[in-house]
Amino acid sequence: MKIGAIIFVFIPFTLLSEVHHEFWSRLSFNYKLNSNWSFVSEFQLRQQNNYLLQKEASIYFPHTRSARLWINKKLNKGMTLHISPFAYFRNFDFSRSDSSTLTQRNEFRASIALSKSIQYRKFEFKTRLMLENRTLLQPDQWVERIRIQEWLIYKLKTMKNSSFNPYIMGEYFYRYSNKTLGFDQFRLQSGLLFKSKAVDIILGMQWAHQSIEHKTTERLQSQIQVFINL
């Protein structure tokens, strides 16, 4: 089982007009069936500040609650197939007509992805291509997203059955909705990954730039992720 990571990214966010400050946490349980197959149950809790009024800390108001199932199959040449047949997300956001009121929106997701990992000395390069279907409720809408993710990990210090690994990750999102394909968002994160046989932990921060239907959003997200190997 693995425990994830916290990531630190330094962004000149003081130059940005409206920044959403958020805290993301993730807990994942990884069950390895054999050398090729594994199953992951993933739970997320995200919090936020009131970005409209720029008040309270990033852990004060609810942002997202989610649960997701992953099925992973190792292929040849360092490639892995990832299938998520089901995920549930409950999202919270502030109403611009009443900046102190939170609204809720529920959605279901299904995803399929292909990833590849390449090792070179103390470096690891990971890439993932994912197709994600989002079925949004209130109001009803569906969105297809293409996600392209790249990781560069450096094995800084190795101990017995564990290691400390600084890394940087970038991810592009493209969305197809209302018969239009366009840019959705870009994420950049950096931090430290602690890996061991039983658990992985990621600590860090992420900056996200999102642009949908002429609305631009900047987000700064501190993160802690924990992956436990069963």
Protein backbone atom coordinates (compact mmCIF):
# COMPACT_ATOMS: atom_id res chain seq x y z
CA MET A 1 0.00 0.00 0.00
CA LYS A 2 1.27 3.49 -0.65
CA ILE A 3 1.12 6.83 1.04
CA GLY A 4 1.23 9.86 -1.21
CA ALA A 5 2.97 13.21 -1.34
CA ILE A 6 3.00 16.83 -0.35
CA ILE A 7 4.20 19.21 -3.01
CA PHE A 8 5.72 22.67 -2.83
CA VAL A 9 5.47 25.05 -5.77
CA PHE A 10 6.58 28.67 -5.66
CA ILE A 11 4.34 30.80 -7.86
CA PRO A 12 4.25 34.60 -8.03
CA PHE A 13 0.59 34.45 -7.01
CA THR A 14 0.66 37.99 -5.62
CA LEU A 15 0.56 39.15 -9.24
CA LEU A 16 -2.69 37.30 -9.86
CA SER A 17 -6.04 39.04 -9.36
CA GLU A 18 -8.20 36.30 -7.78
CA VAL A 19 -6.48 33.26 -6.31
CA HIS A 20 -8.32 30.28 -4.86
CA HIS A 21 -6.35 28.97 -1.87
CA GLU A 22 -7.07 25.29 -1.29
CA PHE A 23 -5.93 22.33 0.79
CA TRP A 24 -6.07 18.88 -0.86
CA SER A 25 -5.71 15.54 0.91
CA ARG A 26 -5.87 12.04 -0.55
CA LEU A 27 -5.84 8.59 1.03
CA SER A 28 -5.40 5.55 -1.24
CA PHE A 29 -5.37 1.83 -0.46
CA ASN A 30 -3.54 -0.36 -2.95
CA TYR A 31 -4.21 -4.10 -2.99
CA LYS A 32 -1.75 -6.07 -5.13
CA LEU A 33 -3.45 -9.19 -6.44
CA ASN A 34 -0.31 -10.50 -8.18
CA SER A 35 2.71 -9.13 -10.07
CA ASN A 36 0.49 -7.74 -12.86
CA TRP A 37 -2.87 -6.80 -11.31
CA SER A 38 -3.72 -4.35 -8.52
CA PHE A 39 -6.82 -2.57 -7.19
CA VAL A 40 -6.88 0.90 -5.64
CA SER A 41 -9.59 2.60 -3.60
CA GLU A 42 -9.03 6.36 -3.41
CA PHE A 43 -10.65 8.99 -1.17
CA GLN A 44 -10.17 12.75 -1.38
CA LEU A 45 -11.05 15.63 0.91
CA ARG A 46 -10.41 19.15 -0.36
CA GLN A 47 -10.98 22.41 1.51
CA GLN A 48 -10.87 26.06 0.40
CA ASN A 49 -10.98 29.67 1.55
CA ASN A 50 -13.72 32.11 0.59
CA TYR A 51 -11.88 33.38 -2.49
CA LEU A 52 -14.63 35.90 -3.33
CA LEU A 53 -14.23 37.72 -0.02
CA GLN A 54 -10.57 36.64 0.46
CA LYS A 55 -11.25 35.56 4.04
CA GLU A 56 -10.59 32.52 6.22
CA ALA A 57 -7.84 29.91 5.73
CA SER A 58 -7.71 27.34 2.93
CA ILE A 59 -8.89 24.56 5.28
CA TYR A 60 -12.02 26.40 6.47
CA PHE A 61 -14.71 25.71 3.81
CA PRO A 62 -15.50 22.42 2.01
CA HIS A 63 -14.40 22.12 -1.61
CA THR A 64 -14.59 18.46 -2.77
CA ARG A 65 -15.42 15.03 -1.38
CA SER A 66 -14.71 12.04 -3.63
CA ALA A 67 -14.32 8.27 -3.81
CA ARG A 68 -12.83 6.39 -6.75
CA LEU A 69 -11.95 2.80 -7.71
CA TRP A 70 -8.95 1.96 -9.94
CA ILE A 71 -8.02 -1.32 -11.63
CA ASN A 72 -4.38 -1.49 -12.81
CA LYS A 73 -2.80 -3.97 -15.23
CA LYS A 74 0.95 -4.00 -15.92
CA LEU A 75 1.84 -4.37 -19.58
CA ASN A 76 5.15 -4.84 -21.37
CA LYS A 77 8.02 -2.30 -21.53
CA GLY A 78 7.15 -0.43 -18.34
CA MET A 79 3.59 0.40 -19.41
CA THR A 80 0.49 0.13 -17.22
CA LEU A 81 -3.21 0.23 -18.08
CA HIS A 82 -5.44 2.04 -15.56
CA ILE A 83 -9.24 1.72 -15.55
CA SER A 84 -11.59 3.56 -13.21
CA PRO A 85 -15.12 2.27 -13.84
CA PHE A 86 -16.64 4.46 -11.15
CA ALA A 87 -15.93 7.62 -9.17
CA TYR A 88 -18.22 9.92 -7.20
CA PHE A 89 -17.43 13.61 -6.60
CA ARG A 90 -19.34 16.17 -4.54
CA ASN A 91 -18.11 19.69 -5.27
CA PHE A 92 -18.77 22.91 -3.35
CA ASP A 93 -18.42 26.45 -4.69
CA PHE A 94 -19.37 29.99 -3.72
CA SER A 95 -22.21 31.81 -5.42
CA ARG A 96 -21.20 35.10 -7.03
CA SER A 97 -24.69 36.44 -6.40
CA ASP A 98 -24.24 35.72 -2.68
CA SER A 99 -20.53 35.46 -1.85
CA SER A 100 -21.14 33.84 1.54
CA THR A 101 -23.30 30.96 0.24
CA LEU A 102 -21.94 27.57 -0.84
CA THR A 103 -23.64 25.62 -3.62
CA GLN A 104 -23.24 21.88 -4.25
CA ARG A 105 -22.83 19.86 -7.44
CA ASN A 106 -22.55 16.08 -7.75
CA GLU A 107 -20.89 14.17 -10.54
CA PHE A 108 -19.86 10.68 -11.60
CA ARG A 109 -16.67 9.89 -13.49
CA ALA A 110 -15.23 7.00 -15.49
CA SER A 111 -11.64 6.96 -16.75
CA ILE A 112 -9.15 4.94 -18.76
CA ALA A 113 -5.43 5.71 -18.88
CA LEU A 114 -2.11 4.41 -20.14
CA SER A 115 1.13 5.22 -18.33
CA LYS A 116 4.82 4.49 -18.88
CA SER A 117 7.81 4.76 -16.55
CA ILE A 118 11.45 5.11 -17.64
CA GLN A 119 14.40 4.82 -15.24
CA TYR A 120 17.77 6.50 -15.90
CA ARG A 121 20.32 6.34 -13.08
CA LYS A 122 18.77 8.34 -10.22
CA PHE A 123 16.02 9.82 -12.40
CA GLU A 124 12.56 8.45 -13.17
CA PHE A 125 10.38 9.87 -15.94
CA LYS A 126 6.67 9.02 -15.87
CA THR A 127 4.05 9.94 -18.45
CA ARG A 128 0.30 9.28 -18.46
CA LEU A 129 -2.43 9.79 -21.06
CA MET A 130 -5.96 9.63 -19.67
CA LEU A 131 -9.47 9.94 -21.11
CA GLU A 132 -12.02 10.96 -18.48
CA ASN A 133 -15.80 11.12 -18.73
CA ARG A 134 -17.61 13.42 -16.30
CA THR A 135 -21.38 13.18 -15.86
CA LEU A 136 -22.40 16.36 -14.05
CA LEU A 137 -25.67 16.71 -12.16
CA GLN A 138 -27.50 19.94 -11.26
CA PRO A 139 -27.80 20.78 -14.14
CA ASP A 140 -27.31 17.65 -16.23
CA GLN A 141 -24.22 17.83 -18.44
CA TRP A 142 -21.47 15.54 -19.64
CA VAL A 143 -17.86 16.50 -20.29
CA GLU A 144 -15.04 14.49 -21.88
CA ARG A 145 -11.51 15.41 -20.80
CA ILE A 146 -8.09 14.45 -22.15
CA ARG A 147 -5.36 14.64 -19.50
CA ILE A 148 -1.65 14.53 -20.33
CA GLN A 149 0.60 14.20 -17.27
CA GLU A 150 4.42 14.23 -17.02
CA TRP A 151 6.57 13.51 -13.93
CA LEU A 152 10.30 13.92 -13.31
CA ILE A 153 11.45 12.27 -10.07
CA TYR A 154 14.97 12.33 -8.60
CA LYS A 155 16.06 9.72 -6.05
CA LEU A 156 17.82 12.04 -3.59
CA LYS A 157 18.47 9.70 -0.67
CA THR A 158 18.05 5.94 -0.45
CA MET A 159 17.85 3.95 2.76
CA LYS A 160 16.89 0.36 3.47
CA ASN A 161 13.59 -0.24 1.61
CA SER A 162 12.82 3.50 1.42
CA SER A 163 13.84 6.72 -0.36
CA PHE A 164 13.31 10.49 -0.46
CA ASN A 165 12.48 11.82 -3.92
CA PRO A 166 11.96 15.47 -4.91
CA TYR A 167 9.88 15.81 -8.08
CA ILE A 168 8.08 18.12 -10.44
CA MET A 169 4.87 17.33 -12.32
CA GLY A 170 2.96 19.09 -15.07
CA GLU A 171 -0.46 18.19 -16.45
CA TYR A 172 -2.52 19.56 -19.34
CA PHE A 173 -6.32 19.16 -19.53
CA TYR A 174 -8.41 19.49 -22.67
CA ARG A 175 -12.20 19.24 -22.58
CA TYR A 176 -14.89 18.34 -25.09
CA SER A 177 -18.36 19.68 -24.27
CA ASN A 178 -21.14 21.38 -26.20
CA LYS A 179 -19.51 20.02 -29.39
CA THR A 180 -16.36 22.06 -28.70
CA LEU A 181 -12.83 20.86 -27.93
CA GLY A 182 -10.62 23.34 -26.10
CA PHE A 183 -8.15 24.03 -23.30
CA ASP A 184 -9.41 23.28 -19.79
CA GLN A 185 -6.52 23.79 -17.38
CA PHE A 186 -2.82 23.38 -16.66
CA ARG A 187 -1.37 22.16 -13.36
CA LEU A 188 2.19 22.47 -12.09
CA GLN A 189 3.26 20.90 -8.82
CA SER A 190 6.51 20.26 -7.00
CA GLY A 191 7.39 18.62 -3.73
CA LEU A 192 8.86 15.65 -1.91
CA LEU A 193 7.87 12.00 -2.25
CA PHE A 194 8.79 9.55 0.51
CA LYS A 195 8.61 5.95 -0.71
CA SER A 196 8.74 2.77 1.35
CA LYS A 197 7.55 -0.80 1.02
CA ALA A 198 4.38 -0.21 3.05
CA VAL A 199 3.53 3.39 2.37
CA ASP A 200 4.28 6.42 0.15
CA ILE A 201 3.76 10.03 1.26
CA ILE A 202 3.71 13.14 -0.91
CA LEU A 203 3.91 16.66 0.52
CA GLY A 204 3.79 19.71 -1.68
CA MET A 205 1.96 22.49 -3.45
CA GLN A 206 0.30 22.87 -6.81
CA TRP A 207 -0.53 25.84 -8.99
CA ALA A 208 -3.40 25.48 -11.45
CA HIS A 209 -4.53 27.80 -14.25
CA GLN A 210 -8.02 27.07 -15.57
CA SER A 211 -9.89 28.75 -18.41
CA ILE A 212 -13.46 27.67 -19.26
CA GLU A 213 -15.93 29.67 -21.32
CA HIS A 214 -13.94 32.91 -21.00
CA LYS A 215 -13.66 32.53 -17.20
CA THR A 216 -10.08 32.30 -15.91
CA THR A 217 -9.24 30.90 -12.48
CA GLU A 218 -5.92 30.68 -10.61
CA ARG A 219 -5.58 28.14 -7.80
CA LEU A 220 -2.83 27.57 -5.22
CA GLN A 221 -3.19 24.19 -3.51
CA SER A 222 -1.16 22.74 -0.64
CA GLN A 223 -1.33 18.95 -0.75
CA ILE A 224 -0.80 15.82 1.29
CA GLN A 225 -1.31 12.43 -0.30
CA VAL A 226 -0.97 9.03 1.36
CA PHE A 227 -0.84 5.69 -0.46
CA ILE A 228 -0.92 2.51 1.64
CA ASN A 229 0.11 -0.87 0.19
CA LEU A 230 -1.90 -3.79 1.54
